[in-house]
Structure formats: C-alpha cells, structure tokens
C-alpha cells in the first residue's frame, strides 16, 4: 500500500509552497501557507485539492505535486500514536521526501 504527500517542486527566488486563491477557497482557508507543515501534507482534503485542481492549485511561484511513497514510512506505536519515519527536505523551494535513518 502507498500513502500520498504534497510537495513543492519549484526552485528559485520567490518560489516555494503556496496555495492559489481558488485552492484556499476550496479548502476553506485564509492563508496560502496554511498546509505548510509536513504534518498537514498528508491530509486527504489537501491531496484531493492538488489532484483535482492540478496547475490551478499553485500559488505564485509554486509547483505543488502529490508524491506516492510506501506506507511503511509511518507506523503506529504501542500507545496508538503515528510515528513518521520520513521528513520534508527543502532547498531553494524544491522539496523532497527523505526517509529518517538511525543515528547513534
């Protein structure tokens, strides 16, 4: 099984994650950066907006895409909490998903 995550693929000055006005209306949010945190990037309503609106979801300087990654990047601990084994990495606005690795 796979899960979906929204990332930005634009690069450069004034580029980065930003929703369009129409996407903000669809998601009922006021702030174009409302779903900026990686915790929000897997929300079904955001994924639906990106897939449904396609290029129209992009705010100024953005190129939002839905990536499909293996489900095992998230697990449930003994307390029933979601444990994420991934994180967003960004350079010049361009985002990638990186798997967490163990460090000692």
PDB file of N, CA and C in Angstrom:
ATOM      1  N   UNK A   1       0.837  -1.181   0.000  1.00  0.00           N
ATOM      2  CA  UNK A   1       0.000   0.000   0.000  1.00  0.00           C
ATOM      3  C   UNK A   1       0.881   1.243   0.000  1.00  0.00           C
ATOM      4  N   UNK A   2       0.314   2.347  -0.427  1.00  0.00           N
ATOM      5  CA  UNK A   2       1.058   3.589  -0.525  1.00  0.00           C
ATOM      6  C   UNK A   2       0.304   4.734   0.136  1.00  0.00           C
ATOM      7  N   UNK A   3       1.046   5.777   0.516  1.00  0.00           N
ATOM      8  CA  UNK A   3       0.415   6.988   1.015  1.00  0.00           C
ATOM      9  C   UNK A   3       0.855   8.145   0.130  1.00  0.00           C
ATOM     10  N   UNK A   4       0.084   9.218   0.170  1.00  0.00           N
ATOM     11  CA  UNK A   4       0.348  10.382  -0.664  1.00  0.00           C
ATOM     12  C   UNK A   4       0.769  11.560   0.202  1.00  0.00           C
ATOM     13  N   UNK A   5       1.719  12.345  -0.331  1.00  0.00           N
ATOM     14  CA  UNK A   5       2.236  13.529   0.352  1.00  0.00           C
ATOM     15  C   UNK A   5       2.364  14.651  -0.674  1.00  0.00           C
ATOM     16  N   UNK A   6       1.957  15.866  -0.307  1.00  0.00           N
ATOM     17  CA  UNK A   6       2.069  17.022  -1.196  1.00  0.00           C
ATOM     18  C   UNK A   6       3.416  17.705  -0.974  1.00  0.00           C
ATOM     19  N   UNK A   7       4.134  17.967  -2.083  1.00  0.00           N
ATOM     20  CA  UNK A   7       5.412  18.669  -2.037  1.00  0.00           C
ATOM     21  C   UNK A   7       5.431  19.774  -3.077  1.00  0.00           C
ATOM     22  N   UNK A   8       6.349  20.713  -2.919  1.00  0.00           N
ATOM     23  CA  UNK A   8       6.569  21.768  -3.898  1.00  0.00           C
ATOM     24  C   UNK A   8       7.787  21.400  -4.742  1.00  0.00           C
ATOM     25  N   UNK A   9       7.690  21.590  -6.057  1.00  0.00           N
ATOM     26  CA  UNK A   9       8.787  21.256  -6.960  1.00  0.00           C
ATOM     27  C   UNK A   9       9.354  22.479  -7.688  1.00  0.00           C
ATOM     28  N   UNK A  10       8.956  23.691  -7.291  1.00  0.00           N
ATOM     29  CA  UNK A  10       9.533  24.880  -7.928  1.00  0.00           C
ATOM     30  C   UNK A  10      10.834  25.251  -7.237  1.00  0.00           C
ATOM     31  N   UNK A  11      11.698  25.960  -7.979  1.00  0.00           N
ATOM     32  CA  UNK A  11      13.007  26.374  -7.460  1.00  0.00           C
ATOM     33  C   UNK A  11      13.228  27.840  -7.732  1.00  0.00           C
ATOM     34  N   UNK A  12      13.999  28.480  -6.846  1.00  0.00           N
ATOM     35  CA  UNK A  12      14.462  29.833  -7.116  1.00  0.00           C
ATOM     36  C   UNK A  12      13.898  30.873  -6.181  1.00  0.00           C
ATOM     37  N   UNK A  13      14.274  32.104  -6.451  1.00  0.00           N
ATOM     38  CA  UNK A  13      13.816  33.245  -5.664  1.00  0.00           C
ATOM     39  C   UNK A  13      12.306  33.395  -5.857  1.00  0.00           C
ATOM     40  N   UNK A  14      11.611  33.661  -4.763  1.00  0.00           N
ATOM     41  CA  UNK A  14      10.152  33.819  -4.759  1.00  0.00           C
ATOM     42  C   UNK A  14       9.414  32.545  -5.147  1.00  0.00           C
ATOM     43  N   UNK A  15      10.077  31.401  -5.071  1.00  0.00           N
ATOM     44  CA  UNK A  15       9.425  30.130  -5.338  1.00  0.00           C
ATOM     45  C   UNK A  15       9.281  29.386  -4.025  1.00  0.00           C
ATOM     46  N   UNK A  16       8.274  28.557  -3.951  1.00  0.00           N
ATOM     47  CA  UNK A  16       8.067  27.770  -2.747  1.00  0.00           C
ATOM     48  C   UNK A  16       6.623  27.357  -2.604  1.00  0.00           C
ATOM     49  N   UNK A  17       6.321  26.728  -1.491  1.00  0.00           N
ATOM     50  CA  UNK A  17       4.992  26.196  -1.221  1.00  0.00           C
ATOM     51  C   UNK A  17       4.006  27.334  -0.984  1.00  0.00           C
ATOM     52  N   UNK A  18       2.979  27.410  -1.820  1.00  0.00           N
ATOM     53  CA  UNK A  18       1.928  28.419  -1.655  1.00  0.00           C
ATOM     54  C   UNK A  18       0.700  27.984  -2.451  1.00  0.00           C
ATOM     55  N   UNK A  19      -0.457  28.040  -1.797  1.00  0.00           N
ATOM     56  CA  UNK A  19      -1.721  27.684  -2.443  1.00  0.00           C
ATOM     57  C   UNK A  19      -2.274  28.879  -3.226  1.00  0.00           C
ATOM     58  N   UNK A  20      -3.020  28.594  -4.270  1.00  0.00           N
ATOM     59  CA  UNK A  20      -3.696  29.637  -5.038  1.00  0.00           C
ATOM     60  C   UNK A  20      -4.949  30.101  -4.305  1.00  0.00           C
ATOM     61  N   UNK A  21      -5.533  31.184  -4.779  1.00  0.00           N
ATOM     62  CA  UNK A  21      -6.775  31.697  -4.204  1.00  0.00           C
ATOM     63  C   UNK A  21      -7.893  30.671  -4.330  1.00  0.00           C
ATOM     64  N   UNK A  22      -8.003  30.043  -5.492  1.00  0.00           N
ATOM     65  CA  UNK A  22      -9.061  29.047  -5.704  1.00  0.00           C
ATOM     66  C   UNK A  22      -8.855  27.834  -4.785  1.00  0.00           C
ATOM     67  N   UNK A  23      -7.597  27.442  -4.541  1.00  0.00           N
ATOM     68  CA  UNK A  23      -7.324  26.327  -3.630  1.00  0.00           C
ATOM     69  C   UNK A  23      -7.696  26.706  -2.197  1.00  0.00           C
ATOM     70  N   UNK A  24      -7.392  27.944  -1.802  1.00  0.00           N
ATOM     71  CA  UNK A  24      -7.764  28.408  -0.458  1.00  0.00           C
ATOM     72  C   UNK A  24      -9.275  28.383  -0.279  1.00  0.00           C
ATOM     73  N   UNK A  25     -10.012  28.792  -1.322  1.00  0.00           N
ATOM     74  CA  UNK A  25     -11.482  28.759  -1.262  1.00  0.00           C
ATOM     75  C   UNK A  25     -11.988  27.326  -1.142  1.00  0.00           C
ATOM     76  N   UNK A  26     -11.438  26.424  -1.936  1.00  0.00           N
ATOM     77  CA  UNK A  26     -11.854  25.022  -1.908  1.00  0.00           C
ATOM     78  C   UNK A  26     -11.587  24.393  -0.544  1.00  0.00           C
ATOM     79  N   UNK A  27     -10.445  24.751   0.062  1.00  0.00           N
ATOM     80  CA  UNK A  27     -10.056  24.183   1.358  1.00  0.00           C
ATOM     81  C   UNK A  27     -10.589  24.983   2.539  1.00  0.00           C
ATOM     82  N   UNK A  28     -11.251  26.096   2.230  1.00  0.00           N
ATOM     83  CA  UNK A  28     -11.838  26.968   3.262  1.00  0.00           C
ATOM     84  C   UNK A  28     -10.774  27.476   4.247  1.00  0.00           C
ATOM     85  N   UNK A  29      -9.673  27.997   3.681  1.00  0.00           N
ATOM     86  CA  UNK A  29      -8.610  28.590   4.489  1.00  0.00           C
ATOM     87  C   UNK A  29      -8.315  30.005   3.998  1.00  0.00           C
ATOM     88  N   UNK A  30      -7.797  30.847   4.877  1.00  0.00           N
ATOM     89  CA  UNK A  30      -7.472  32.225   4.521  1.00  0.00           C
ATOM     90  C   UNK A  30      -6.009  32.405   4.136  1.00  0.00           C
ATOM     91  N   UNK A  31      -5.150  31.563   4.628  1.00  0.00           N
ATOM     92  CA  UNK A  31      -3.703  31.723   4.462  1.00  0.00           C
ATOM     93  C   UNK A  31      -3.169  30.749   3.407  1.00  0.00           C
ATOM     94  N   UNK A  32      -2.489  31.256   2.349  1.00  0.00           N
ATOM     95  CA  UNK A  32      -1.962  30.372   1.298  1.00  0.00           C
ATOM     96  C   UNK A  32      -0.907  29.387   1.783  1.00  0.00           C
ATOM     97  N   UNK A  33      -0.333  29.633   2.962  1.00  0.00           N
ATOM     98  CA  UNK A  33       0.670  28.726   3.526  1.00  0.00           C
ATOM     99  C   UNK A  33       0.055  27.827   4.603  1.00  0.00           C
ATOM    100  N   UNK A  34      -1.268  27.716   4.650  1.00  0.00           N
ATOM    101  CA  UNK A  34      -1.965  27.001   5.720  1.00  0.00           C
ATOM    102  C   UNK A  34      -1.528  25.552   5.896  1.00  0.00           C
ATOM    103  N   UNK A  35      -1.179  24.893   4.822  1.00  0.00           N
ATOM    104  CA  UNK A  35      -0.795  23.482   4.896  1.00  0.00           C
ATOM    105  C   UNK A  35       0.714  23.342   4.726  1.00  0.00           C
ATOM    106  N   UNK A  36       1.458  24.265   5.311  1.00  0.00           N
ATOM    107  CA  UNK A  36       2.909  24.264   5.127  1.00  0.00           C
ATOM    108  C   UNK A  36       3.611  23.155   5.907  1.00  0.00           C
ATOM    109  N   UNK A  37       3.207  22.902   7.143  1.00  0.00           N
ATOM    110  CA  UNK A  37       3.863  21.889   7.975  1.00  0.00           C
ATOM    111  C   UNK A  37       3.716  20.507   7.355  1.00  0.00           C
ATOM    112  N   UNK A  38       4.747  19.678   7.520  1.00  0.00           N
ATOM    113  CA  UNK A  38       4.654  18.353   6.900  1.00  0.00           C
ATOM    114  C   UNK A  38       3.572  17.507   7.525  1.00  0.00           C
ATOM    115  N   UNK A  39       3.146  17.842   8.740  1.00  0.00           N
ATOM    116  CA  UNK A  39       2.053  17.096   9.349  1.00  0.00           C
ATOM    117  C   UNK A  39       0.769  17.239   8.545  1.00  0.00           C
ATOM    118  N   UNK A  40       0.612  18.380   7.874  1.00  0.00           N
ATOM    119  CA  UNK A  40      -0.595  18.646   7.106  1.00  0.00           C
ATOM    120  C   UNK A  40      -0.516  18.120   5.677  1.00  0.00           C
ATOM    121  N   UNK A  41       0.654  17.782   5.204  1.00  0.00           N
ATOM    122  CA  UNK A  41       0.846  17.442   3.798  1.00  0.00           C
ATOM    123  C   UNK A  41       0.215  16.119   3.391  1.00  0.00           C
ATOM    124  N   UNK A  42      -0.248  15.328   4.352  1.00  0.00           N
ATOM    125  CA  UNK A  42      -0.893  14.046   4.028  1.00  0.00           C
ATOM    126  C   UNK A  42      -2.406  14.111   4.210  1.00  0.00           C
ATOM    127  N   UNK A  43      -2.945  15.282   4.517  1.00  0.00           N
ATOM    128  CA  UNK A  43      -4.389  15.398   4.732  1.00  0.00           C
ATOM    129  C   UNK A  43      -5.153  15.132   3.440  1.00  0.00           C
ATOM    130  N   UNK A  44      -6.179  14.291   3.508  1.00  0.00           N
ATOM    131  CA  UNK A  44      -6.931  13.927   2.303  1.00  0.00           C
ATOM    132  C   UNK A  44      -7.503  15.127   1.548  1.00  0.00           C
ATOM    133  N   UNK A  45      -7.974  16.161   2.259  1.00  0.00           N
ATOM    134  CA  UNK A  45      -8.552  17.310   1.561  1.00  0.00           C
ATOM    135  C   UNK A  45      -7.500  18.089   0.766  1.00  0.00           C
ATOM    136  N   UNK A  46      -6.275  18.170   1.251  1.00  0.00           N
ATOM    137  CA  UNK A  46      -5.207  18.841   0.512  1.00  0.00           C
ATOM    138  C   UNK A  46      -4.814  18.013  -0.708  1.00  0.00           C
ATOM    139  N   UNK A  47      -4.662  16.713  -0.526  1.00  0.00           N
ATOM    140  CA  UNK A  47      -4.312  15.833  -1.641  1.00  0.00           C
ATOM    141  C   UNK A  47      -5.383  15.896  -2.723  1.00  0.00           C
ATOM    142  N   UNK A  48      -6.656  15.872  -2.318  1.00  0.00           N
ATOM    143  CA  UNK A  48      -7.750  15.982  -3.279  1.00  0.00           C
ATOM    144  C   UNK A  48      -7.675  17.307  -4.039  1.00  0.00           C
ATOM    145  N   UNK A  49      -7.401  18.405  -3.345  1.00  0.00           N
ATOM    146  CA  UNK A  49      -7.319  19.719  -3.992  1.00  0.00           C
ATOM    147  C   UNK A  49      -6.211  19.739  -5.037  1.00  0.00           C
ATOM    148  N   UNK A  50      -5.047  19.198  -4.709  1.00  0.00           N
ATOM    149  CA  UNK A  50      -3.926  19.186  -5.656  1.00  0.00           C
ATOM    150  C   UNK A  50      -4.254  18.310  -6.862  1.00  0.00           C
ATOM    151  N   UNK A  51      -4.842  17.143  -6.630  1.00  0.00           N
ATOM    152  CA  UNK A  51      -5.181  16.248  -7.740  1.00  0.00           C
ATOM    153  C   UNK A  51      -6.324  16.802  -8.581  1.00  0.00           C
ATOM    154  N   UNK A  52      -7.294  17.448  -7.945  1.00  0.00           N
ATOM    155  CA  UNK A  52      -8.461  17.975  -8.649  1.00  0.00           C
ATOM    156  C   UNK A  52      -8.133  19.256  -9.419  1.00  0.00           C
ATOM    157  N   UNK A  53      -7.453  20.204  -8.776  1.00  0.00           N
ATOM    158  CA  UNK A  53      -7.169  21.500  -9.401  1.00  0.00           C
ATOM    159  C   UNK A  53      -5.948  21.473 -10.321  1.00  0.00           C
ATOM    160  N   UNK A  54      -5.068  20.524 -10.128  1.00  0.00           N
ATOM    161  CA  UNK A  54      -3.821  20.389 -10.893  1.00  0.00           C
ATOM    162  C   UNK A  54      -3.048  21.708 -10.871  1.00  0.00           C
ATOM    163  N   UNK A  55      -2.729  22.332 -12.008  1.00  0.00           N
ATOM    164  CA  UNK A  55      -1.932  23.564 -12.023  1.00  0.00           C
ATOM    165  C   UNK A  55      -2.623  24.726 -11.321  1.00  0.00           C
ATOM    166  N   UNK A  56      -3.950  24.698 -11.258  1.00  0.00           N
ATOM    167  CA  UNK A  56      -4.693  25.804 -10.624  1.00  0.00           C
ATOM    168  C   UNK A  56      -4.533  25.829  -9.112  1.00  0.00           C
ATOM    169  N   UNK A  57      -3.967  24.788  -8.515  1.00  0.00           N
ATOM    170  CA  UNK A  57      -3.740  24.757  -7.069  1.00  0.00           C
ATOM    171  C   UNK A  57      -2.548  25.624  -6.675  1.00  0.00           C
ATOM    172  N   UNK A  58      -1.660  25.902  -7.633  1.00  0.00           N
ATOM    173  CA  UNK A  58      -0.405  26.586  -7.354  1.00  0.00           C
ATOM    174  C   UNK A  58      -0.578  28.083  -7.139  1.00  0.00           C
ATOM    175  N   UNK A  59      -0.067  28.545  -5.996  1.00  0.00           N
ATOM    176  CA  UNK A  59       0.035  29.970  -5.764  1.00  0.00           C
ATOM    177  C   UNK A  59       1.259  30.501  -6.495  1.00  0.00           C
ATOM    178  N   UNK A  60       1.527  31.788  -6.348  1.00  0.00           N
ATOM    179  CA  UNK A  60       2.650  32.415  -7.027  1.00  0.00           C
ATOM    180  C   UNK A  60       3.961  31.720  -6.670  1.00  0.00           C
ATOM    181  N   UNK A  61       4.686  31.273  -7.701  1.00  0.00           N
ATOM    182  CA  UNK A  61       5.983  30.632  -7.505  1.00  0.00           C
ATOM    183  C   UNK A  61       5.940  29.191  -7.054  1.00  0.00           C
ATOM    184  N   UNK A  62       4.764  28.589  -6.996  1.00  0.00           N
ATOM    185  CA  UNK A  62       4.637  27.206  -6.510  1.00  0.00           C
ATOM    186  C   UNK A  62       4.436  26.222  -7.651  1.00  0.00           C
ATOM    187  N   UNK A  63       4.805  24.994  -7.413  1.00  0.00           N
ATOM    188  CA  UNK A  63       4.551  23.870  -8.309  1.00  0.00           C
ATOM    189  C   UNK A  63       4.260  22.665  -7.419  1.00  0.00           C
ATOM    190  N   UNK A  64       3.019  22.593  -6.923  1.00  0.00           N
ATOM    191  CA  UNK A  64       2.640  21.555  -5.963  1.00  0.00           C
ATOM    192  C   UNK A  64       2.322  20.249  -6.673  1.00  0.00           C
ATOM    193  N   UNK A  65       2.844  19.174  -6.118  1.00  0.00           N
ATOM    194  CA  UNK A  65       2.646  17.841  -6.673  1.00  0.00           C
ATOM    195  C   UNK A  65       2.320  16.861  -5.554  1.00  0.00           C
ATOM    196  N   UNK A  66       1.666  15.768  -5.927  1.00  0.00           N
ATOM    197  CA  UNK A  66       1.394  14.678  -4.986  1.00  0.00           C
ATOM    198  C   UNK A  66       2.384  13.562  -5.280  1.00  0.00           C
ATOM    199  N   UNK A  67       3.179  13.217  -4.266  1.00  0.00           N
ATOM    200  CA  UNK A  67       4.097  12.082  -4.384  1.00  0.00           C
ATOM    201  C   UNK A  67       3.461  10.877  -3.709  1.00  0.00           C
ATOM    202  N   UNK A  68       3.728   9.709  -4.250  1.00  0.00           N
ATOM    203  CA  UNK A  68       3.266   8.455  -3.660  1.00  0.00           C
ATOM    204  C   UNK A  68       4.484   7.749  -3.084  1.00  0.00           C
ATOM    205  N   UNK A  69       4.412   7.441  -1.782  1.00  0.00           N
ATOM    206  CA  UNK A  69       5.532   6.794  -1.086  1.00  0.00           C
ATOM    207  C   UNK A  69       5.013   5.543  -0.368  1.00  0.00           C
ATOM    208  N   UNK A  70       5.905   4.611  -0.036  1.00  0.00           N
ATOM    209  CA  UNK A  70       5.466   3.391   0.659  1.00  0.00           C
ATOM    210  C   UNK A  70       4.814   3.697   2.010  1.00  0.00           C
ATOM    211  N   UNK A  71       3.769   2.946   2.322  1.00  0.00           N
ATOM    212  CA  UNK A  71       3.043   3.095   3.591  1.00  0.00           C
ATOM    213  C   UNK A  71       3.906   2.842   4.817  1.00  0.00           C
ATOM    214  N   UNK A  72       4.957   2.034   4.680  1.00  0.00           N
ATOM    215  CA  UNK A  72       5.746   1.702   5.854  1.00  0.00           C
ATOM    216  C   UNK A  72       6.604   2.861   6.367  1.00  0.00           C
ATOM    217  N   UNK A  73       6.481   4.038   5.746  1.00  0.00           N
ATOM    218  CA  UNK A  73       7.170   5.220   6.263  1.00  0.00           C
ATOM    219  C   UNK A  73       6.443   5.801   7.476  1.00  0.00           C
ATOM    220  N   UNK A  74       5.285   5.248   7.796  1.00  0.00           N
ATOM    221  CA  UNK A  74       4.565   5.597   9.019  1.00  0.00           C
ATOM    222  C   UNK A  74       4.127   4.313   9.707  1.00  0.00           C
ATOM    223  N   UNK A  75       4.295   4.277  11.027  1.00  0.00           N
ATOM    224  CA  UNK A  75       3.854   3.128  11.810  1.00  0.00           C
ATOM    225  C   UNK A  75       3.073   3.630  13.023  1.00  0.00           C
ATOM    226  N   UNK A  76       2.447   2.716  13.725  1.00  0.00           N
ATOM    227  CA  UNK A  76       1.701   3.039  14.945  1.00  0.00           C
ATOM    228  C   UNK A  76       2.475   2.453  16.130  1.00  0.00           C
ATOM    229  N   UNK A  77       2.740   3.283  17.145  1.00  0.00           N
ATOM    230  CA  UNK A  77       3.461   2.776  18.320  1.00  0.00           C
ATOM    231  C   UNK A  77       2.494   2.098  19.284  1.00  0.00           C
ATOM    232  N   UNK A  78       3.033   1.592  20.396  1.00  0.00           N
ATOM    233  CA  UNK A  78       2.219   0.843  21.364  1.00  0.00           C
ATOM    234  C   UNK A  78       1.149   1.692  22.039  1.00  0.00           C
ATOM    235  N   UNK A  79       1.267   3.023  21.964  1.00  0.00           N
ATOM    236  CA  UNK A  79       0.264   3.931  22.538  1.00  0.00           C
ATOM    237  C   UNK A  79      -0.780   4.353  21.501  1.00  0.00           C
ATOM    238  N   UNK A  80      -0.655   3.837  20.266  1.00  0.00           N
ATOM    239  CA  UNK A  80      -1.606   4.173  19.217  1.00  0.00           C
ATOM    240  C   UNK A  80      -1.279   5.454  18.464  1.00  0.00           C
ATOM    241  N   UNK A  81      -0.075   6.002  18.684  1.00  0.00           N
ATOM    242  CA  UNK A  81       0.332   7.238  18.010  1.00  0.00           C
ATOM    243  C   UNK A  81       1.023   6.930  16.692  1.00  0.00           C
ATOM    244  N   UNK A  82       0.846   7.839  15.716  1.00  0.00           N
ATOM    245  CA  UNK A  82       1.512   7.690  14.428  1.00  0.00           C
ATOM    246  C   UNK A  82       2.973   8.107  14.581  1.00  0.00           C
ATOM    247  N   UNK A  83       3.871   7.252  14.115  1.00  0.00           N
ATOM    248  CA  UNK A  83       5.297   7.546  14.118  1.00  0.00           C
ATOM    249  C   UNK A  83       5.728   7.698  12.662  1.00  0.00           C
ATOM    250  N   UNK A  84       6.232   8.887  12.327  1.00  0.00           N
ATOM    251  CA  UNK A  84       6.661   9.144  10.953  1.00  0.00           C
ATOM    252  C   UNK A  84       8.144   8.836  10.811  1.00  0.00           C
ATOM    253  N   UNK A  85       8.455   8.072   9.790  1.00  0.00           N
ATOM    254  CA  UNK A  85       9.838   7.716   9.503  1.00  0.00           C
ATOM    255  C   UNK A  85      10.325   8.475   8.271  1.00  0.00           C
ATOM    256  N   UNK A  86       9.775   9.664   8.055  1.00  0.00           N
ATOM    257  CA  UNK A  86      10.127  10.496   6.918  1.00  0.00           C
ATOM    258  C   UNK A  86      10.077  11.963   7.334  1.00  0.00           C
ATOM    259  N   UNK A  87      10.683  12.799   6.524  1.00  0.00           N
ATOM    260  CA  UNK A  87      10.613  14.238   6.727  1.00  0.00           C
ATOM    261  C   UNK A  87      10.767  14.950   5.386  1.00  0.00           C
ATOM    262  N   UNK A  88      10.286  16.190   5.340  1.00  0.00           N
ATOM    263  CA  UNK A  88      10.455  17.033   4.161  1.00  0.00           C
ATOM    264  C   UNK A  88      11.838  17.666   4.215  1.00  0.00           C
ATOM    265  N   UNK A  89      12.480  17.724   3.086  1.00  0.00           N
ATOM    266  CA  UNK A  89      13.754  18.420   2.969  1.00  0.00           C
ATOM    267  C   UNK A  89      13.587  19.426   1.834  1.00  0.00           C
ATOM    268  N   UNK A  90      14.065  20.657   2.053  1.00  0.00           N
ATOM    269  CA  UNK A  90      13.837  21.728   1.079  1.00  0.00           C
ATOM    270  C   UNK A  90      15.130  22.464   0.780  1.00  0.00           C
ATOM    271  N   UNK A  91      15.308  22.817  -0.494  1.00  0.00           N
ATOM    272  CA  UNK A  91      16.429  23.653  -0.914  1.00  0.00           C
ATOM    273  C   UNK A  91      15.955  24.542  -2.050  1.00  0.00           C
ATOM    274  N   UNK A  92      16.055  25.838  -1.861  1.00  0.00           N
ATOM    275  CA  UNK A  92      15.589  26.822  -2.845  1.00  0.00           C
ATOM    276  C   UNK A  92      14.120  26.626  -3.202  1.00  0.00           C
ATOM    277  N   UNK A  93      13.314  26.160  -2.263  1.00  0.00           N
ATOM    278  CA  UNK A  93      11.899  25.942  -2.508  1.00  0.00           C
ATOM    279  C   UNK A  93      11.548  24.533  -2.953  1.00  0.00           C
ATOM    280  N   UNK A  94      12.506  23.813  -3.556  1.00  0.00           N
ATOM    281  CA  UNK A  94      12.280  22.463  -4.068  1.00  0.00           C
ATOM    282  C   UNK A  94      12.285  21.478  -2.909  1.00  0.00           C
ATOM    283  N   UNK A  95      11.201  20.721  -2.761  1.00  0.00           N
ATOM    284  CA  UNK A  95      11.052  19.800  -1.635  1.00  0.00           C
ATOM    285  C   UNK A  95      11.144  18.347  -2.077  1.00  0.00           C
ATOM    286  N   UNK A  96      11.747  17.548  -1.222  1.00  0.00           N
ATOM    287  CA  UNK A  96      11.792  16.101  -1.414  1.00  0.00           C
ATOM    288  C   UNK A  96      11.406  15.431  -0.105  1.00  0.00           C
ATOM    289  N   UNK A  97      11.012  14.189  -0.186  1.00  0.00           N
ATOM    290  CA  UNK A  97      10.722  13.376   0.993  1.00  0.00           C
ATOM    291  C   UNK A  97      11.953  12.528   1.262  1.00  0.00           C
ATOM    292  N   UNK A  98      12.430  12.565   2.495  1.00  0.00           N
ATOM    293  CA  UNK A  98      13.584  11.756   2.882  1.00  0.00           C
ATOM    294  C   UNK A  98      13.168  10.806   3.999  1.00  0.00           C
ATOM    295  N   UNK A  99      13.638   9.596   3.883  1.00  0.00           N
ATOM    296  CA  UNK A  99      13.394   8.614   4.920  1.00  0.00           C
ATOM    297  C   UNK A  99      14.353   8.885   6.087  1.00  0.00           C
ATOM    298  N   UNK A 100      13.826   8.827   7.313  1.00  0.00           N
ATOM    299  CA  UNK A 100      14.675   9.014   8.506  1.00  0.00           C
ATOM    300  C   UNK A 100      15.574   7.795   8.680  1.00  0.00           C
ATOM    301  N   UNK A 101      16.777   8.046   9.096  1.00  0.00           N
ATOM    302  CA  UNK A 101      17.716   6.960   9.367  1.00  0.00           C
ATOM    303  C   UNK A 101      18.157   7.029  10.812  1.00  0.00           C
ATOM    304  N   UNK A 102      18.589   5.935  11.326  1.00  0.00           N
ATOM    305  CA  UNK A 102      19.036   5.884  12.719  1.00  0.00           C
ATOM    306  C   UNK A 102      20.420   6.505  12.838  1.00  0.00           C
ATOM    307  N   UNK A 103      20.603   7.283  13.885  1.00  0.00           N
ATOM    308  CA  UNK A 103      21.896   7.905  14.170  1.00  0.00           C
ATOM    309  C   UNK A 103      22.246   7.601  15.613  1.00  0.00           C
ATOM    310  N   UNK A 104      23.467   7.214  15.879  1.00  0.00           N
ATOM    311  CA  UNK A 104      23.909   6.903  17.237  1.00  0.00           C
ATOM    312  C   UNK A 104      24.978   7.863  17.650  1.00  0.00           C
TER     313      UNK A 104
END
